[in-house]
PDB file of N, CA and C in Angstrom:
ATOM      1  N   MET A   1       5.643   1.842 -31.181  1.00  0.00           N
ATOM      2  CA  MET A   1       5.876   2.668 -32.350  1.00  0.00           C
ATOM      3  C   MET A   1       6.048   1.754 -33.555  1.00  0.00           C
ATOM      4  N   SER A   2       5.404   2.068 -34.648  1.00  0.00           N
ATOM      5  CA  SER A   2       5.512   1.231 -35.834  1.00  0.00           C
ATOM      6  C   SER A   2       6.848   1.454 -36.515  1.00  0.00           C
ATOM      7  N   GLU A   3       7.242   0.470 -37.344  1.00  0.00           N
ATOM      8  CA  GLU A   3       8.526   0.561 -38.037  1.00  0.00           C
ATOM      9  C   GLU A   3       8.591   1.757 -38.972  1.00  0.00           C
ATOM     10  N   SER A   4       7.474   2.130 -39.571  1.00  0.00           N
ATOM     11  CA  SER A   4       7.481   3.233 -40.535  1.00  0.00           C
ATOM     12  C   SER A   4       7.686   4.588 -39.876  1.00  0.00           C
ATOM     13  N   THR A   5       7.384   4.698 -38.586  1.00  0.00           N
ATOM     14  CA  THR A   5       7.545   5.988 -37.913  1.00  0.00           C
ATOM     15  C   THR A   5       8.829   6.084 -37.089  1.00  0.00           C
ATOM     16  N   GLU A   6       9.562   4.963 -36.947  1.00  0.00           N
ATOM     17  CA  GLU A   6      10.815   5.002 -36.206  1.00  0.00           C
ATOM     18  C   GLU A   6      11.897   5.663 -37.044  1.00  0.00           C
ATOM     19  N   LYS A   7      12.775   6.405 -36.384  1.00  0.00           N
ATOM     20  CA  LYS A   7      13.886   7.022 -37.081  1.00  0.00           C
ATOM     21  C   LYS A   7      15.003   6.006 -37.245  1.00  0.00           C
ATOM     22  N   SER A   8      15.670   6.078 -38.370  1.00  0.00           N
ATOM     23  CA  SER A   8      16.781   5.181 -38.624  1.00  0.00           C
ATOM     24  C   SER A   8      17.982   5.590 -37.783  1.00  0.00           C
ATOM     25  N   PRO A   9      18.614   4.663 -37.073  1.00  0.00           N
ATOM     26  CA  PRO A   9      19.808   5.001 -36.290  1.00  0.00           C
ATOM     27  C   PRO A   9      20.929   5.550 -37.167  1.00  0.00           C
ATOM     28  N   GLN A  10      21.018   5.079 -38.414  1.00  0.00           N
ATOM     29  CA  GLN A  10      22.048   5.566 -39.328  1.00  0.00           C
ATOM     30  C   GLN A  10      21.852   7.049 -39.625  1.00  0.00           C
ATOM     31  N   ILE A  11      20.630   7.446 -39.886  1.00  0.00           N
ATOM     32  CA  ILE A  11      20.350   8.842 -40.209  1.00  0.00           C
ATOM     33  C   ILE A  11      20.669   9.724 -39.007  1.00  0.00           C
ATOM     34  N   GLU A  12      20.223   9.313 -37.821  1.00  0.00           N
ATOM     35  CA  GLU A  12      20.513  10.090 -36.622  1.00  0.00           C
ATOM     36  C   GLU A  12      22.016  10.176 -36.391  1.00  0.00           C
ATOM     37  N   SER A  13      22.713   9.062 -36.576  1.00  0.00           N
ATOM     38  CA  SER A  13      24.153   9.024 -36.352  1.00  0.00           C
ATOM     39  C   SER A  13      24.882   9.954 -37.315  1.00  0.00           C
ATOM     40  N   LYS A  14      24.500   9.957 -38.598  1.00  0.00           N
ATOM     41  CA  LYS A  14      25.145  10.826 -39.566  1.00  0.00           C
ATOM     42  C   LYS A  14      24.918  12.290 -39.234  1.00  0.00           C
ATOM     43  N   ALA A  15      23.705  12.634 -38.834  1.00  0.00           N
ATOM     44  CA  ALA A  15      23.419  14.021 -38.479  1.00  0.00           C
ATOM     45  C   ALA A  15      24.248  14.421 -37.261  1.00  0.00           C
ATOM     46  N   PHE A  16      24.369  13.527 -36.311  1.00  0.00           N
ATOM     47  CA  PHE A  16      25.154  13.799 -35.112  1.00  0.00           C
ATOM     48  C   PHE A  16      26.614  13.990 -35.479  1.00  0.00           C
ATOM     49  N   ASN A  17      27.165  13.122 -36.312  1.00  0.00           N
ATOM     50  CA  ASN A  17      28.560  13.220 -36.704  1.00  0.00           C
ATOM     51  C   ASN A  17      28.844  14.492 -37.480  1.00  0.00           C
ATOM     52  N   LEU A  18      27.950  14.876 -38.357  1.00  0.00           N
ATOM     53  CA  LEU A  18      28.172  16.076 -39.144  1.00  0.00           C
ATOM     54  C   LEU A  18      28.264  17.309 -38.261  1.00  0.00           C
ATOM     55  N   GLU A  19      27.568  17.293 -37.177  1.00  0.00           N
ATOM     56  CA  GLU A  19      27.539  18.462 -36.311  1.00  0.00           C
ATOM     57  C   GLU A  19      28.756  18.538 -35.401  1.00  0.00           C
ATOM     58  N   LEU A  20      29.310  17.394 -34.965  1.00  0.00           N
ATOM     59  CA  LEU A  20      30.329  17.409 -33.934  1.00  0.00           C
ATOM     60  C   LEU A  20      31.748  17.101 -34.404  1.00  0.00           C
ATOM     61  N   HIS A  21      31.891  16.238 -35.374  1.00  0.00           N
ATOM     62  CA  HIS A  21      33.240  15.857 -35.792  1.00  0.00           C
ATOM     63  C   HIS A  21      33.227  15.235 -37.180  1.00  0.00           C
ATOM     64  N   PRO A  22      34.400  15.180 -37.809  1.00  0.00           N
ATOM     65  CA  PRO A  22      34.477  14.601 -39.151  1.00  0.00           C
ATOM     66  C   PRO A  22      34.246  13.093 -39.119  1.00  0.00           C
ATOM     67  N   THR A  23      33.778  12.566 -40.219  1.00  0.00           N
ATOM     68  CA  THR A  23      33.578  11.124 -40.329  1.00  0.00           C
ATOM     69  C   THR A  23      34.908  10.445 -40.638  1.00  0.00           C
ATOM     70  N   ASP A  24      34.954   9.130 -40.444  1.00  0.00           N
ATOM     71  CA  ASP A  24      36.152   8.368 -40.790  1.00  0.00           C
ATOM     72  C   ASP A  24      36.454   8.494 -42.281  1.00  0.00           C
ATOM     73  N   GLU A  25      35.407   8.589 -43.090  1.00  0.00           N
ATOM     74  CA  GLU A  25      35.606   8.738 -44.541  1.00  0.00           C
ATOM     75  C   GLU A  25      36.313  10.059 -44.852  1.00  0.00           C
ATOM     76  N   GLU A  26      35.884  11.128 -44.211  1.00  0.00           N
ATOM     77  CA  GLU A  26      36.532  12.431 -44.420  1.00  0.00           C
ATOM     78  C   GLU A  26      37.996  12.388 -43.982  1.00  0.00           C
ATOM     79  N   ILE A  27      38.242  11.778 -42.833  1.00  0.00           N
ATOM     80  CA  ILE A  27      39.607  11.675 -42.328  1.00  0.00           C
ATOM     81  C   ILE A  27      40.449  10.828 -43.286  1.00  0.00           C
ATOM     82  N   GLY A  28      39.889   9.728 -43.747  1.00  0.00           N
ATOM     83  CA  GLY A  28      40.612   8.862 -44.678  1.00  0.00           C
ATOM     84  C   GLY A  28      40.958   9.562 -45.978  1.00  0.00           C
ATOM     85  N   LEU A  29      40.027  10.342 -46.493  1.00  0.00           N
ATOM     86  CA  LEU A  29      40.289  11.082 -47.731  1.00  0.00           C
ATOM     87  C   LEU A  29      41.383  12.123 -47.532  1.00  0.00           C
ATOM     88  N   ARG A  30      41.349  12.824 -46.404  1.00  0.00           N
ATOM     89  CA  ARG A  30      42.388  13.818 -46.128  1.00  0.00           C
ATOM     90  C   ARG A  30      43.735  13.136 -45.906  1.00  0.00           C
ATOM     91  N   ALA A  31      43.736  11.999 -45.213  1.00  0.00           N
ATOM     92  CA  ALA A  31      44.980  11.253 -44.995  1.00  0.00           C
ATOM     93  C   ALA A  31      45.573  10.813 -46.331  1.00  0.00           C
ATOM     94  N   TYR A  32      44.734  10.404 -47.254  1.00  0.00           N
ATOM     95  CA  TYR A  32      45.214  10.008 -48.584  1.00  0.00           C
ATOM     96  C   TYR A  32      45.796  11.211 -49.323  1.00  0.00           C
ATOM     97  N   GLN A  33      45.170  12.363 -49.200  1.00  0.00           N
ATOM     98  CA  GLN A  33      45.720  13.574 -49.816  1.00  0.00           C
ATOM     99  C   GLN A  33      47.099  13.891 -49.251  1.00  0.00           C
ATOM    100  N   ILE A  34      47.245  13.755 -47.948  1.00  0.00           N
ATOM    101  CA  ILE A  34      48.533  14.007 -47.300  1.00  0.00           C
ATOM    102  C   ILE A  34      49.575  13.021 -47.831  1.00  0.00           C
ATOM    103  N   TYR A  35      49.192  11.758 -47.950  1.00  0.00           N
ATOM    104  CA  TYR A  35      50.063  10.715 -48.499  1.00  0.00           C
ATOM    105  C   TYR A  35      50.545  11.098 -49.901  1.00  0.00           C
ATOM    106  N   LEU A  36      49.613  11.555 -50.734  1.00  0.00           N
ATOM    107  CA  LEU A  36      49.981  11.954 -52.091  1.00  0.00           C
ATOM    108  C   LEU A  36      50.883  13.186 -52.081  1.00  0.00           C
ATOM    109  N   GLU A  37      50.584  14.140 -51.201  1.00  0.00           N
ATOM    110  CA  GLU A  37      51.392  15.357 -51.095  1.00  0.00           C
ATOM    111  C   GLU A  37      52.835  15.038 -50.684  1.00  0.00           C
ATOM    112  N   ARG A  38      53.028  13.949 -49.929  1.00  0.00           N
ATOM    113  CA  ARG A  38      54.354  13.525 -49.506  1.00  0.00           C
ATOM    114  C   ARG A  38      55.051  12.708 -50.585  1.00  0.00           C
ATOM    115  N   GLY A  39      54.417  12.525 -51.717  1.00  0.00           N
ATOM    116  CA  GLY A  39      55.020  11.753 -52.799  1.00  0.00           C
ATOM    117  C   GLY A  39      54.697  10.277 -52.755  1.00  0.00           C
ATOM    118  N   GLY A  40      53.764   9.873 -51.928  1.00  0.00           N
ATOM    119  CA  GLY A  40      53.323   8.481 -51.879  1.00  0.00           C
ATOM    120  C   GLY A  40      54.288   7.544 -51.174  1.00  0.00           C
ATOM    121  N   ALA A  41      55.137   8.078 -50.317  1.00  0.00           N
ATOM    122  CA  ALA A  41      56.081   7.227 -49.580  1.00  0.00           C
ATOM    123  C   ALA A  41      55.334   6.400 -48.540  1.00  0.00           C
ATOM    124  N   ASP A  42      55.577   5.095 -48.542  1.00  0.00           N
ATOM    125  CA  ASP A  42      54.922   4.191 -47.590  1.00  0.00           C
ATOM    126  C   ASP A  42      55.512   4.327 -46.197  1.00  0.00           C
ATOM    127  N   GLY A  43      54.774   3.828 -45.207  1.00  0.00           N
ATOM    128  CA  GLY A  43      55.266   3.758 -43.840  1.00  0.00           C
ATOM    129  C   GLY A  43      54.856   4.909 -42.944  1.00  0.00           C
ATOM    130  N   HIS A  44      53.993   5.788 -43.440  1.00  0.00           N
ATOM    131  CA  HIS A  44      53.567   6.938 -42.637  1.00  0.00           C
ATOM    132  C   HIS A  44      52.053   7.010 -42.498  1.00  0.00           C
ATOM    133  N   ASP A  45      51.386   5.866 -42.659  1.00  0.00           N
ATOM    134  CA  ASP A  45      49.928   5.864 -42.655  1.00  0.00           C
ATOM    135  C   ASP A  45      49.338   6.379 -41.348  1.00  0.00           C
ATOM    136  N   VAL A  46      49.907   5.995 -40.217  1.00  0.00           N
ATOM    137  CA  VAL A  46      49.378   6.460 -38.933  1.00  0.00           C
ATOM    138  C   VAL A  46      49.622   7.958 -38.781  1.00  0.00           C
ATOM    139  N   ASP A  47      50.814   8.409 -39.164  1.00  0.00           N
ATOM    140  CA  ASP A  47      51.112   9.843 -39.100  1.00  0.00           C
ATOM    141  C   ASP A  47      50.147  10.641 -39.968  1.00  0.00           C
ATOM    142  N   ASP A  48      49.869  10.130 -41.170  1.00  0.00           N
ATOM    143  CA  ASP A  48      48.950  10.809 -42.089  1.00  0.00           C
ATOM    144  C   ASP A  48      47.553  10.872 -41.488  1.00  0.00           C
ATOM    145  N   TRP A  49      47.106   9.770 -40.890  1.00  0.00           N
ATOM    146  CA  TRP A  49      45.772   9.716 -40.289  1.00  0.00           C
ATOM    147  C   TRP A  49      45.669  10.714 -39.128  1.00  0.00           C
ATOM    148  N   VAL A  50      46.679  10.731 -38.273  1.00  0.00           N
ATOM    149  CA  VAL A  50      46.662  11.632 -37.114  1.00  0.00           C
ATOM    150  C   VAL A  50      46.683  13.091 -37.570  1.00  0.00           C
ATOM    151  N   GLN A  51      47.488  13.389 -38.579  1.00  0.00           N
ATOM    152  CA  GLN A  51      47.527  14.761 -39.098  1.00  0.00           C
ATOM    153  C   GLN A  51      46.168  15.146 -39.674  1.00  0.00           C
ATOM    154  N   ALA A  52      45.553  14.238 -40.420  1.00  0.00           N
ATOM    155  CA  ALA A  52      44.236  14.507 -41.006  1.00  0.00           C
ATOM    156  C   ALA A  52      43.199  14.744 -39.907  1.00  0.00           C
ATOM    157  N   GLU A  53      43.227  13.903 -38.858  1.00  0.00           N
ATOM    158  CA  GLU A  53      42.307  14.101 -37.733  1.00  0.00           C
ATOM    159  C   GLU A  53      42.509  15.473 -37.100  1.00  0.00           C
ATOM    160  N   ARG A  54      43.750  15.826 -36.848  1.00  0.00           N
ATOM    161  CA  ARG A  54      44.065  17.105 -36.205  1.00  0.00           C
ATOM    162  C   ARG A  54      43.528  18.260 -37.044  1.00  0.00           C
ATOM    163  N   GLU A  55      43.792  18.222 -38.349  1.00  0.00           N
ATOM    164  CA  GLU A  55      43.329  19.295 -39.237  1.00  0.00           C
ATOM    165  C   GLU A  55      41.805  19.389 -39.252  1.00  0.00           C
ATOM    166  N   LEU A  56      41.151  18.245 -39.433  1.00  0.00           N
ATOM    167  CA  LEU A  56      39.696  18.252 -39.583  1.00  0.00           C
ATOM    168  C   LEU A  56      38.973  18.544 -38.267  1.00  0.00           C
ATOM    169  N   PHE A  57      39.473  18.011 -37.160  1.00  0.00           N
ATOM    170  CA  PHE A  57      38.846  18.336 -35.884  1.00  0.00           C
ATOM    171  C   PHE A  57      38.979  19.822 -35.595  1.00  0.00           C
ATOM    172  N   GLY A  58      40.124  20.415 -35.949  1.00  0.00           N
ATOM    173  CA  GLY A  58      40.302  21.856 -35.789  1.00  0.00           C
ATOM    174  C   GLY A  58      39.321  22.631 -36.643  1.00  0.00           C
ATOM    175  N   LYS A  59      39.133  22.172 -37.862  1.00  0.00           N
ATOM    176  CA  LYS A  59      38.188  22.826 -38.771  1.00  0.00           C
ATOM    177  C   LYS A  59      36.763  22.734 -38.220  1.00  0.00           C
ATOM    178  N   TYR A  60      36.385  21.568 -37.711  1.00  0.00           N
ATOM    179  CA  TYR A  60      35.039  21.393 -37.173  1.00  0.00           C
ATOM    180  C   TYR A  60      34.827  22.230 -35.920  1.00  0.00           C
ATOM    181  N   GLN A  61      35.850  22.364 -35.088  1.00  0.00           N
ATOM    182  CA  GLN A  61      35.703  23.177 -33.879  1.00  0.00           C
ATOM    183  C   GLN A  61      35.489  24.639 -34.232  1.00  0.00           C
ATOM    184  N   ARG A  62      36.153  25.111 -35.285  1.00  0.00           N
ATOM    185  CA  ARG A  62      35.991  26.510 -35.690  1.00  0.00           C
ATOM    186  C   ARG A  62      34.617  26.764 -36.289  1.00  0.00           C
ATOM    187  N   THR A  63      34.013  25.762 -36.928  1.00  0.00           N
ATOM    188  CA  THR A  63      32.723  25.953 -37.592  1.00  0.00           C
ATOM    189  C   THR A  63      31.545  25.469 -36.750  1.00  0.00           C
ATOM    190  N   GLU A  64      31.794  24.847 -35.609  1.00  0.00           N
ATOM    191  CA  GLU A  64      30.710  24.287 -34.798  1.00  0.00           C
ATOM    192  C   GLU A  64      29.666  25.308 -34.380  1.00  0.00           C
ATOM    193  N   PRO A  65      30.015  26.489 -33.888  1.00  0.00           N
ATOM    194  CA  PRO A  65      28.967  27.445 -33.495  1.00  0.00           C
ATOM    195  C   PRO A  65      28.045  27.808 -34.664  1.00  0.00           C
ATOM    196  N   MET A  66      28.603  27.920 -35.855  1.00  0.00           N
ATOM    197  CA  MET A  66      27.789  28.255 -37.030  1.00  0.00           C
ATOM    198  C   MET A  66      26.839  27.103 -37.335  1.00  0.00           C
ATOM    199  N   ALA A  67      27.341  25.858 -37.254  1.00  0.00           N
ATOM    200  CA  ALA A  67      26.502  24.696 -37.542  1.00  0.00           C
ATOM    201  C   ALA A  67      25.334  24.616 -36.561  1.00  0.00           C
ATOM    202  N   LYS A  68      25.579  24.922 -35.306  1.00  0.00           N
ATOM    203  CA  LYS A  68      24.515  24.858 -34.314  1.00  0.00           C
ATOM    204  C   LYS A  68      23.439  25.910 -34.612  1.00  0.00           C
ATOM    205  N   LYS A  69      23.825  27.088 -35.084  1.00  0.00           N
ATOM    206  CA  LYS A  69      22.844  28.115 -35.422  1.00  0.00           C
ATOM    207  C   LYS A  69      21.980  27.686 -36.589  1.00  0.00           C
ATOM    208  N   VAL A  70      22.581  27.033 -37.575  1.00  0.00           N
ATOM    209  CA  VAL A  70      21.839  26.581 -38.749  1.00  0.00           C
ATOM    210  C   VAL A  70      20.864  25.503 -38.368  1.00  0.00           C
ATOM    211  N   VAL A  71      21.265  24.572 -37.500  1.00  0.00           N
ATOM    212  CA  VAL A  71      20.419  23.454 -37.084  1.00  0.00           C
ATOM    213  C   VAL A  71      19.284  23.926 -36.186  1.00  0.00           C
ATOM    214  N   ALA A  72      19.545  24.887 -35.335  1.00  0.00           N
ATOM    215  CA  ALA A  72      18.560  25.341 -34.350  1.00  0.00           C
ATOM    216  C   ALA A  72      17.378  26.031 -34.968  1.00  0.00           C
TER     217      ALA A  72
END
């Protein structure tokens, strides 16, 4: 297969991530929002990250069937 016809692994990976779970960037942005909502107190970065993951994974699970219909 020539280089021009091969699919980029990055493109495939992004499409896969969008369908199944949030990206690290999305989680990081939500974790930062949580940090700001708490008044910017240091020392809770892991807690903020875990909370952001929990929220976003829950959101993706609720919307996954719809995403699969759109892709199909």
